[in-house]
């Protein structure tokens, strides 16, 4: 029984932050993290979808982006982005406020 409680506690400790990150859509006018294939030009993809890149420029699979357009995030996914995460939730995992 004790082993089950230890495993359950470890699973919650590991998976709860990831579940928090994945829960819910990103918010408009707040930074979001976009995960995309390295063969796509992130700057062009984000600009064509109606947003702007705010960093980092050297990450091959991810960019922080922002837009005031509510349809920006669905357009990113349609244009080839793999995932779009809420930047505020990501920052809260790191102990930062956005």
PDB file of N, CA and C in Angstrom:
ATOM      1  N   UNK A   1       0.821  -1.195   0.000  1.00  0.00           N
ATOM      2  CA  UNK A   1       0.000   0.000   0.000  1.00  0.00           C
ATOM      3  C   UNK A   1       0.865   1.259   0.000  1.00  0.00           C
ATOM      4  N   UNK A   2       1.948   1.220   0.755  1.00  0.00           N
ATOM      5  CA  UNK A   2       2.826   2.377   0.833  1.00  0.00           C
ATOM      6  C   UNK A   2       3.466   2.659  -0.524  1.00  0.00           C
ATOM      7  N   UNK A   3       3.808   1.615  -1.271  1.00  0.00           N
ATOM      8  CA  UNK A   3       4.407   1.798  -2.594  1.00  0.00           C
ATOM      9  C   UNK A   3       3.424   2.445  -3.550  1.00  0.00           C
ATOM     10  N   UNK A   4       2.174   2.076  -3.442  1.00  0.00           N
ATOM     11  CA  UNK A   4       1.148   2.666  -4.303  1.00  0.00           C
ATOM     12  C   UNK A   4       1.013   4.158  -4.012  1.00  0.00           C
ATOM     13  N   UNK A   5       1.033   4.532  -2.745  1.00  0.00           N
ATOM     14  CA  UNK A   5       0.939   5.945  -2.378  1.00  0.00           C
ATOM     15  C   UNK A   5       2.161   6.730  -2.867  1.00  0.00           C
ATOM     16  N   UNK A   6       3.330   6.142  -2.783  1.00  0.00           N
ATOM     17  CA  UNK A   6       4.549   6.808  -3.261  1.00  0.00           C
ATOM     18  C   UNK A   6       4.487   7.013  -4.761  1.00  0.00           C
ATOM     19  N   UNK A   7       4.084   5.978  -5.502  1.00  0.00           N
ATOM     20  CA  UNK A   7       3.982   6.088  -6.964  1.00  0.00           C
ATOM     21  C   UNK A   7       2.917   7.114  -7.343  1.00  0.00           C
ATOM     22  N   UNK A   8       1.785   7.082  -6.669  1.00  0.00           N
ATOM     23  CA  UNK A   8       0.721   8.045  -6.961  1.00  0.00           C
ATOM     24  C   UNK A   8       1.186   9.472  -6.705  1.00  0.00           C
ATOM     25  N   UNK A   9       1.893   9.690  -5.609  1.00  0.00           N
ATOM     26  CA  UNK A   9       2.413  11.024  -5.295  1.00  0.00           C
ATOM     27  C   UNK A   9       3.412  11.489  -6.340  1.00  0.00           C
ATOM     28  N   UNK A  10       4.285  10.610  -6.773  1.00  0.00           N
ATOM     29  CA  UNK A  10       5.257  10.965  -7.816  1.00  0.00           C
ATOM     30  C   UNK A  10       4.565  11.278  -9.131  1.00  0.00           C
ATOM     31  N   UNK A  11       3.550  10.490  -9.489  1.00  0.00           N
ATOM     32  CA  UNK A  11       2.827  10.743 -10.737  1.00  0.00           C
ATOM     33  C   UNK A  11       2.132  12.100 -10.715  1.00  0.00           C
ATOM     34  N   UNK A  12       1.498  12.416  -9.603  1.00  0.00           N
ATOM     35  CA  UNK A  12       0.827  13.719  -9.489  1.00  0.00           C
ATOM     36  C   UNK A  12       1.855  14.839  -9.553  1.00  0.00           C
ATOM     37  N   UNK A  13       2.981  14.669  -8.880  1.00  0.00           N
ATOM     38  CA  UNK A  13       4.025  15.696  -8.883  1.00  0.00           C
ATOM     39  C   UNK A  13       4.642  15.917 -10.243  1.00  0.00           C
ATOM     40  N   UNK A  14       4.711  14.865 -11.044  1.00  0.00           N
ATOM     41  CA  UNK A  14       5.308  14.982 -12.379  1.00  0.00           C
ATOM     42  C   UNK A  14       4.282  15.427 -13.413  1.00  0.00           C
ATOM     43  N   UNK A  15       3.090  14.851 -13.375  1.00  0.00           N
ATOM     44  CA  UNK A  15       2.121  15.100 -14.429  1.00  0.00           C
ATOM     45  C   UNK A  15       1.226  16.310 -14.193  1.00  0.00           C
ATOM     46  N   UNK A  16       1.075  16.762 -12.968  1.00  0.00           N
ATOM     47  CA  UNK A  16       0.228  17.926 -12.705  1.00  0.00           C
ATOM     48  C   UNK A  16       0.737  19.184 -13.394  1.00  0.00           C
ATOM     49  N   UNK A  17       2.037  19.500 -13.338  1.00  0.00           N
ATOM     50  CA  UNK A  17       2.497  20.685 -14.062  1.00  0.00           C
ATOM     51  C   UNK A  17       2.303  20.576 -15.573  1.00  0.00           C
ATOM     52  N   UNK A  18       2.488  19.395 -16.116  1.00  0.00           N
ATOM     53  CA  UNK A  18       2.292  19.200 -17.557  1.00  0.00           C
ATOM     54  C   UNK A  18       0.815  19.351 -17.899  1.00  0.00           C
ATOM     55  N   UNK A  19      -0.059  18.795 -17.092  1.00  0.00           N
ATOM     56  CA  UNK A  19      -1.494  18.939 -17.327  1.00  0.00           C
ATOM     57  C   UNK A  19      -1.908  20.403 -17.242  1.00  0.00           C
ATOM     58  N   UNK A  20      -1.344  21.139 -16.304  1.00  0.00           N
ATOM     59  CA  UNK A  20      -1.620  22.574 -16.191  1.00  0.00           C
ATOM     60  C   UNK A  20      -1.196  23.315 -17.443  1.00  0.00           C
ATOM     61  N   UNK A  21      -0.053  22.945 -17.976  1.00  0.00           N
ATOM     62  CA  UNK A  21       0.457  23.584 -19.185  1.00  0.00           C
ATOM     63  C   UNK A  21      -0.454  23.309 -20.375  1.00  0.00           C
ATOM     64  N   UNK A  22      -0.955  22.099 -20.471  1.00  0.00           N
ATOM     65  CA  UNK A  22      -1.750  21.705 -21.624  1.00  0.00           C
ATOM     66  C   UNK A  22      -3.215  22.094 -21.510  1.00  0.00           C
ATOM     67  N   UNK A  23      -3.673  22.439 -20.325  1.00  0.00           N
ATOM     68  CA  UNK A  23      -5.088  22.714 -20.111  1.00  0.00           C
ATOM     69  C   UNK A  23      -5.486  24.066 -20.680  1.00  0.00           C
ATOM     70  N   UNK A  24      -6.518  24.060 -21.479  1.00  0.00           N
ATOM     71  CA  UNK A  24      -7.099  25.292 -21.968  1.00  0.00           C
ATOM     72  C   UNK A  24      -6.337  25.959 -23.090  1.00  0.00           C
ATOM     73  N   UNK A  25      -7.050  26.746 -23.877  1.00  0.00           N
ATOM     74  CA  UNK A  25      -6.430  27.451 -24.996  1.00  0.00           C
ATOM     75  C   UNK A  25      -5.633  28.670 -24.526  1.00  0.00           C
ATOM     76  N   UNK A  26      -4.681  29.130 -25.341  1.00  0.00           N
ATOM     77  CA  UNK A  26      -3.949  30.347 -24.999  1.00  0.00           C
ATOM     78  C   UNK A  26      -4.874  31.561 -25.067  1.00  0.00           C
ATOM     79  N   UNK A  27      -4.476  32.619 -24.382  1.00  0.00           N
ATOM     80  CA  UNK A  27      -5.283  33.828 -24.332  1.00  0.00           C
ATOM     81  C   UNK A  27      -4.783  34.859 -25.340  1.00  0.00           C
ATOM     82  N   UNK A  28      -5.705  35.653 -25.841  1.00  0.00           N
ATOM     83  CA  UNK A  28      -5.391  36.724 -26.781  1.00  0.00           C
ATOM     84  C   UNK A  28      -4.624  37.820 -26.045  1.00  0.00           C
ATOM     85  N   UNK A  29      -3.668  38.437 -26.703  1.00  0.00           N
ATOM     86  CA  UNK A  29      -2.860  39.550 -26.188  1.00  0.00           C
ATOM     87  C   UNK A  29      -1.919  39.150 -25.055  1.00  0.00           C
ATOM     88  N   UNK A  30      -1.710  37.866 -24.858  1.00  0.00           N
ATOM     89  CA  UNK A  30      -0.809  37.344 -23.846  1.00  0.00           C
ATOM     90  C   UNK A  30       0.176  36.423 -24.565  1.00  0.00           C
ATOM     91  N   UNK A  31       1.439  36.434 -24.187  1.00  0.00           N
ATOM     92  CA  UNK A  31       2.395  35.560 -24.862  1.00  0.00           C
ATOM     93  C   UNK A  31       1.969  34.091 -24.847  1.00  0.00           C
ATOM     94  N   UNK A  32       2.233  33.425 -25.957  1.00  0.00           N
ATOM     95  CA  UNK A  32       1.957  31.997 -26.093  1.00  0.00           C
ATOM     96  C   UNK A  32       3.221  31.325 -26.612  1.00  0.00           C
ATOM     97  N   UNK A  33       3.372  30.056 -26.296  1.00  0.00           N
ATOM     98  CA  UNK A  33       4.496  29.281 -26.795  1.00  0.00           C
ATOM     99  C   UNK A  33       4.001  28.417 -27.941  1.00  0.00           C
ATOM    100  N   UNK A  34       4.622  28.576 -29.107  1.00  0.00           N
ATOM    101  CA  UNK A  34       4.254  27.805 -30.283  1.00  0.00           C
ATOM    102  C   UNK A  34       5.355  26.783 -30.543  1.00  0.00           C
ATOM    103  N   UNK A  35       4.953  25.513 -30.687  1.00  0.00           N
ATOM    104  CA  UNK A  35       5.871  24.440 -31.044  1.00  0.00           C
ATOM    105  C   UNK A  35       5.610  24.120 -32.509  1.00  0.00           C
ATOM    106  N   UNK A  36       6.672  24.163 -33.309  1.00  0.00           N
ATOM    107  CA  UNK A  36       6.511  23.975 -34.744  1.00  0.00           C
ATOM    108  C   UNK A  36       7.681  23.195 -35.328  1.00  0.00           C
ATOM    109  N   UNK A  37       7.483  22.618 -36.505  1.00  0.00           N
ATOM    110  CA  UNK A  37       8.573  21.869 -37.135  1.00  0.00           C
ATOM    111  C   UNK A  37       9.735  22.804 -37.487  1.00  0.00           C
ATOM    112  N   UNK A  38      10.960  22.319 -37.381  1.00  0.00           N
ATOM    113  CA  UNK A  38      12.117  23.178 -37.661  1.00  0.00           C
ATOM    114  C   UNK A  38      12.251  23.547 -39.130  1.00  0.00           C
ATOM    115  N   UNK A  39      11.571  22.847 -40.019  1.00  0.00           N
ATOM    116  CA  UNK A  39      11.678  23.168 -41.440  1.00  0.00           C
ATOM    117  C   UNK A  39      10.752  24.311 -41.855  1.00  0.00           C
ATOM    118  N   UNK A  40       9.879  24.767 -40.962  1.00  0.00           N
ATOM    119  CA  UNK A  40       9.038  25.927 -41.259  1.00  0.00           C
ATOM    120  C   UNK A  40       9.734  27.183 -40.753  1.00  0.00           C
ATOM    121  N   UNK A  41       9.563  28.274 -41.463  1.00  0.00           N
ATOM    122  CA  UNK A  41      10.095  29.567 -41.029  1.00  0.00           C
ATOM    123  C   UNK A  41       9.118  30.153 -40.009  1.00  0.00           C
ATOM    124  N   UNK A  42       9.496  30.123 -38.743  1.00  0.00           N
ATOM    125  CA  UNK A  42       8.608  30.559 -37.663  1.00  0.00           C
ATOM    126  C   UNK A  42       8.161  32.002 -37.836  1.00  0.00           C
ATOM    127  N   UNK A  43       9.094  32.881 -38.191  1.00  0.00           N
ATOM    128  CA  UNK A  43       8.748  34.287 -38.353  1.00  0.00           C
ATOM    129  C   UNK A  43       7.691  34.510 -39.421  1.00  0.00           C
ATOM    130  N   UNK A  44       7.859  33.864 -40.563  1.00  0.00           N
ATOM    131  CA  UNK A  44       6.888  34.005 -41.646  1.00  0.00           C
ATOM    132  C   UNK A  44       5.544  33.381 -41.290  1.00  0.00           C
ATOM    133  N   UNK A  45       5.579  32.227 -40.646  1.00  0.00           N
ATOM    134  CA  UNK A  45       4.352  31.545 -40.260  1.00  0.00           C
ATOM    135  C   UNK A  45       3.540  32.389 -39.282  1.00  0.00           C
ATOM    136  N   UNK A  46       4.209  32.942 -38.288  1.00  0.00           N
ATOM    137  CA  UNK A  46       3.528  33.763 -37.282  1.00  0.00           C
ATOM    138  C   UNK A  46       3.006  35.052 -37.911  1.00  0.00           C
ATOM    139  N   UNK A  47       3.814  35.695 -38.726  1.00  0.00           N
ATOM    140  CA  UNK A  47       3.400  36.934 -39.378  1.00  0.00           C
ATOM    141  C   UNK A  47       2.205  36.692 -40.306  1.00  0.00           C
ATOM    142  N   UNK A  48       2.250  35.617 -41.086  1.00  0.00           N
ATOM    143  CA  UNK A  48       1.153  35.310 -41.997  1.00  0.00           C
ATOM    144  C   UNK A  48      -0.131  34.953 -41.245  1.00  0.00           C
ATOM    145  N   UNK A  49       0.005  34.478 -40.017  1.00  0.00           N
ATOM    146  CA  UNK A  49      -1.168  34.117 -39.216  1.00  0.00           C
ATOM    147  C   UNK A  49      -1.731  35.305 -38.435  1.00  0.00           C
ATOM    148  N   UNK A  50      -1.036  36.434 -38.446  1.00  0.00           N
ATOM    149  CA  UNK A  50      -1.540  37.639 -37.801  1.00  0.00           C
ATOM    150  C   UNK A  50      -0.940  37.948 -36.445  1.00  0.00           C
ATOM    151  N   UNK A  51       0.248  37.430 -36.161  1.00  0.00           N
ATOM    152  CA  UNK A  51       0.883  37.685 -34.876  1.00  0.00           C
ATOM    153  C   UNK A  51       2.301  38.167 -35.051  1.00  0.00           C
ATOM    154  N   UNK A  52       3.031  38.213 -33.941  1.00  0.00           N
ATOM    155  CA  UNK A  52       4.442  38.589 -34.013  1.00  0.00           C
ATOM    156  C   UNK A  52       5.245  37.746 -33.034  1.00  0.00           C
ATOM    157  N   UNK A  53       6.482  37.450 -33.424  1.00  0.00           N
ATOM    158  CA  UNK A  53       7.392  36.678 -32.587  1.00  0.00           C
ATOM    159  C   UNK A  53       7.992  37.607 -31.544  1.00  0.00           C
ATOM    160  N   UNK A  54       8.031  37.156 -30.294  1.00  0.00           N
ATOM    161  CA  UNK A  54       8.658  37.958 -29.250  1.00  0.00           C
ATOM    162  C   UNK A  54       9.886  37.256 -28.666  1.00  0.00           C
ATOM    163  N   UNK A  55      10.204  36.050 -29.144  1.00  0.00           N
ATOM    164  CA  UNK A  55      11.442  35.375 -28.755  1.00  0.00           C
ATOM    165  C   UNK A  55      11.250  33.885 -28.624  1.00  0.00           C
ATOM    166  N   UNK A  56      12.223  33.102 -28.371  1.00  0.00           N
ATOM    167  CA  UNK A  56      13.639  33.307 -28.679  1.00  0.00           C
ATOM    168  C   UNK A  56      13.897  33.025 -30.152  1.00  0.00           C
ATOM    169  N   UNK A  57      14.855  33.650 -30.707  1.00  0.00           N
ATOM    170  CA  UNK A  57      15.149  33.495 -32.131  1.00  0.00           C
ATOM    171  C   UNK A  57      16.009  32.269 -32.435  1.00  0.00           C
ATOM    172  N   UNK A  58      16.637  31.672 -31.428  1.00  0.00           N
ATOM    173  CA  UNK A  58      17.558  30.574 -31.691  1.00  0.00           C
ATOM    174  C   UNK A  58      16.968  29.191 -31.421  1.00  0.00           C
ATOM    175  N   UNK A  59      15.755  29.087 -30.914  1.00  0.00           N
ATOM    176  CA  UNK A  59      15.150  27.790 -30.637  1.00  0.00           C
ATOM    177  C   UNK A  59      14.597  27.197 -31.930  1.00  0.00           C
ATOM    178  N   UNK A  60      15.041  25.999 -32.314  1.00  0.00           N
ATOM    179  CA  UNK A  60      14.608  25.445 -33.593  1.00  0.00           C
ATOM    180  C   UNK A  60      13.157  24.976 -33.623  1.00  0.00           C
ATOM    181  N   UNK A  61      12.579  24.630 -32.467  1.00  0.00           N
ATOM    182  CA  UNK A  61      11.223  24.088 -32.454  1.00  0.00           C
ATOM    183  C   UNK A  61      10.177  24.971 -31.808  1.00  0.00           C
ATOM    184  N   UNK A  62      10.545  26.106 -31.218  1.00  0.00           N
ATOM    185  CA  UNK A  62       9.581  26.879 -30.449  1.00  0.00           C
ATOM    186  C   UNK A  62       9.838  28.373 -30.549  1.00  0.00           C
ATOM    187  N   UNK A  63       8.764  29.129 -30.430  1.00  0.00           N
ATOM    188  CA  UNK A  63       8.839  30.587 -30.375  1.00  0.00           C
ATOM    189  C   UNK A  63       7.763  31.091 -29.421  1.00  0.00           C
ATOM    190  N   UNK A  64       8.060  32.172 -28.711  1.00  0.00           N
ATOM    191  CA  UNK A  64       7.029  32.884 -27.981  1.00  0.00           C
ATOM    192  C   UNK A  64       6.441  33.900 -28.937  1.00  0.00           C
ATOM    193  N   UNK A  65       5.111  33.954 -28.973  1.00  0.00           N
ATOM    194  CA  UNK A  65       4.404  34.831 -29.912  1.00  0.00           C
ATOM    195  C   UNK A  65       3.293  35.557 -29.168  1.00  0.00           C
ATOM    196  N   UNK A  66       2.762  36.583 -29.819  1.00  0.00           N
ATOM    197  CA  UNK A  66       1.630  37.313 -29.254  1.00  0.00           C
ATOM    198  C   UNK A  66       0.800  37.878 -30.402  1.00  0.00           C
ATOM    199  N   UNK A  67      -0.513  38.005 -30.168  1.00  0.00           N
ATOM    200  CA  UNK A  67      -1.412  38.604 -31.141  1.00  0.00           C
ATOM    201  C   UNK A  67      -2.674  39.068 -30.431  1.00  0.00           C
ATOM    202  N   UNK A  68      -3.307  40.091 -30.990  1.00  0.00           N
ATOM    203  CA  UNK A  68      -4.586  40.584 -30.472  1.00  0.00           C
ATOM    204  C   UNK A  68      -5.768  39.960 -31.202  1.00  0.00           C
ATOM    205  N   UNK A  69      -5.501  39.120 -32.185  1.00  0.00           N
ATOM    206  CA  UNK A  69      -6.536  38.510 -33.024  1.00  0.00           C
ATOM    207  C   UNK A  69      -6.974  37.167 -32.432  1.00  0.00           C
ATOM    208  N   UNK A  70      -8.261  36.996 -32.095  1.00  0.00           N
ATOM    209  CA  UNK A  70      -8.732  35.738 -31.515  1.00  0.00           C
ATOM    210  C   UNK A  70      -8.572  34.528 -32.444  1.00  0.00           C
ATOM    211  N   UNK A  71      -8.538  34.740 -33.735  1.00  0.00           N
ATOM    212  CA  UNK A  71      -8.397  33.612 -34.671  1.00  0.00           C
ATOM    213  C   UNK A  71      -6.930  33.301 -34.992  1.00  0.00           C
ATOM    214  N   UNK A  72      -6.005  33.985 -34.334  1.00  0.00           N
ATOM    215  CA  UNK A  72      -4.578  33.784 -34.579  1.00  0.00           C
ATOM    216  C   UNK A  72      -4.130  32.358 -34.279  1.00  0.00           C
ATOM    217  N   UNK A  73      -4.508  31.830 -33.116  1.00  0.00           N
ATOM    218  CA  UNK A  73      -4.029  30.510 -32.715  1.00  0.00           C
ATOM    219  C   UNK A  73      -4.553  29.389 -33.610  1.00  0.00           C
ATOM    220  N   UNK A  74      -5.831  29.381 -33.976  1.00  0.00           N
ATOM    221  CA  UNK A  74      -6.276  28.355 -34.929  1.00  0.00           C
ATOM    222  C   UNK A  74      -5.567  28.469 -36.293  1.00  0.00           C
ATOM    223  N   UNK A  75      -5.296  29.703 -36.724  1.00  0.00           N
ATOM    224  CA  UNK A  75      -4.582  29.871 -38.006  1.00  0.00           C
ATOM    225  C   UNK A  75      -3.162  29.330 -37.923  1.00  0.00           C
ATOM    226  N   UNK A  76      -2.503  29.493 -36.770  1.00  0.00           N
ATOM    227  CA  UNK A  76      -1.157  28.934 -36.590  1.00  0.00           C
ATOM    228  C   UNK A  76      -1.162  27.427 -36.779  1.00  0.00           C
ATOM    229  N   UNK A  77      -2.125  26.768 -36.167  1.00  0.00           N
ATOM    230  CA  UNK A  77      -2.212  25.313 -36.265  1.00  0.00           C
ATOM    231  C   UNK A  77      -2.533  24.899 -37.701  1.00  0.00           C
ATOM    232  N   UNK A  78      -3.430  25.606 -38.344  1.00  0.00           N
ATOM    233  CA  UNK A  78      -3.759  25.315 -39.744  1.00  0.00           C
ATOM    234  C   UNK A  78      -2.549  25.516 -40.649  1.00  0.00           C
ATOM    235  N   UNK A  79      -1.674  26.458 -40.301  1.00  0.00           N
ATOM    236  CA  UNK A  79      -0.496  26.758 -41.122  1.00  0.00           C
ATOM    237  C   UNK A  79       0.658  25.789 -40.869  1.00  0.00           C
ATOM    238  N   UNK A  80       0.533  24.916 -39.860  1.00  0.00           N
ATOM    239  CA  UNK A  80       1.571  23.917 -39.653  1.00  0.00           C
ATOM    240  C   UNK A  80       2.173  23.843 -38.266  1.00  0.00           C
ATOM    241  N   UNK A  81       1.764  24.712 -37.341  1.00  0.00           N
ATOM    242  CA  UNK A  81       2.282  24.618 -35.968  1.00  0.00           C
ATOM    243  C   UNK A  81       1.762  23.331 -35.332  1.00  0.00           C
ATOM    244  N   UNK A  82       2.606  22.702 -34.518  1.00  0.00           N
ATOM    245  CA  UNK A  82       2.195  21.462 -33.865  1.00  0.00           C
ATOM    246  C   UNK A  82       1.325  21.732 -32.651  1.00  0.00           C
ATOM    247  N   UNK A  83       1.745  22.648 -31.785  1.00  0.00           N
ATOM    248  CA  UNK A  83       1.016  22.960 -30.554  1.00  0.00           C
ATOM    249  C   UNK A  83       1.154  24.438 -30.238  1.00  0.00           C
ATOM    250  N   UNK A  84       0.156  24.959 -29.531  1.00  0.00           N
ATOM    251  CA  UNK A  84       0.202  26.331 -29.023  1.00  0.00           C
ATOM    252  C   UNK A  84      -0.211  26.275 -27.554  1.00  0.00           C
ATOM    253  N   UNK A  85       0.691  26.720 -26.674  1.00  0.00           N
ATOM    254  CA  UNK A  85       0.451  26.686 -25.236  1.00  0.00           C
ATOM    255  C   UNK A  85       0.309  28.096 -24.686  1.00  0.00           C
ATOM    256  N   UNK A  86      -0.474  28.221 -23.638  1.00  0.00           N
ATOM    257  CA  UNK A  86      -0.660  29.490 -22.945  1.00  0.00           C
ATOM    258  C   UNK A  86       0.642  29.893 -22.256  1.00  0.00           C
ATOM    259  N   UNK A  87       1.180  31.053 -22.610  1.00  0.00           N
ATOM    260  CA  UNK A  87       2.437  31.524 -22.051  1.00  0.00           C
ATOM    261  C   UNK A  87       2.358  31.856 -20.570  1.00  0.00           C
ATOM    262  N   UNK A  88       1.191  32.292 -20.089  1.00  0.00           N
ATOM    263  CA  UNK A  88       1.035  32.585 -18.665  1.00  0.00           C
ATOM    264  C   UNK A  88       1.135  31.312 -17.839  1.00  0.00           C
ATOM    265  N   UNK A  89       0.538  30.248 -18.328  1.00  0.00           N
ATOM    266  CA  UNK A  89       0.624  28.972 -17.599  1.00  0.00           C
ATOM    267  C   UNK A  89       2.055  28.462 -17.590  1.00  0.00           C
ATOM    268  N   UNK A  90       2.732  28.588 -18.709  1.00  0.00           N
ATOM    269  CA  UNK A  90       4.122  28.157 -18.781  1.00  0.00           C
ATOM    270  C   UNK A  90       4.987  28.969 -17.817  1.00  0.00           C
ATOM    271  N   UNK A  91       4.768  30.278 -17.798  1.00  0.00           N
ATOM    272  CA  UNK A  91       5.533  31.139 -16.892  1.00  0.00           C
ATOM    273  C   UNK A  91       5.269  30.792 -15.431  1.00  0.00           C
ATOM    274  N   UNK A  92       4.030  30.430 -15.112  1.00  0.00           N
ATOM    275  CA  UNK A  92       3.705  30.085 -13.720  1.00  0.00           C
ATOM    276  C   UNK A  92       4.425  28.818 -13.290  1.00  0.00           C
ATOM    277  N   UNK A  93       4.673  27.896 -14.214  1.00  0.00           N
ATOM    278  CA  UNK A  93       5.447  26.694 -13.884  1.00  0.00           C
ATOM    279  C   UNK A  93       6.870  27.053 -13.507  1.00  0.00           C
ATOM    280  N   UNK A  94       7.367  28.154 -14.075  1.00  0.00           N
ATOM    281  CA  UNK A  94       8.738  28.600 -13.805  1.00  0.00           C
ATOM    282  C   UNK A  94       8.796  29.625 -12.672  1.00  0.00           C
ATOM    283  N   UNK A  95       7.653  29.963 -12.096  1.00  0.00           N
ATOM    284  CA  UNK A  95       7.619  30.924 -10.999  1.00  0.00           C
ATOM    285  C   UNK A  95       7.664  32.375 -11.446  1.00  0.00           C
ATOM    286  N   UNK A  96       7.348  32.640 -12.713  1.00  0.00           N
ATOM    287  CA  UNK A  96       7.381  34.008 -13.243  1.00  0.00           C
ATOM    288  C   UNK A  96       5.960  34.490 -13.516  1.00  0.00           C
ATOM    289  N   UNK A  97       5.772  35.791 -13.534  1.00  0.00           N
ATOM    290  CA  UNK A  97       4.487  36.400 -13.886  1.00  0.00           C
ATOM    291  C   UNK A  97       4.633  37.103 -15.214  1.00  0.00           C
ATOM    292  N   UNK A  98       3.669  36.867 -16.110  1.00  0.00           N
ATOM    293  CA  UNK A  98       3.683  37.513 -17.432  1.00  0.00           C
ATOM    294  C   UNK A  98       2.605  38.559 -17.469  1.00  0.00           C
TER     295      UNK A  98
END
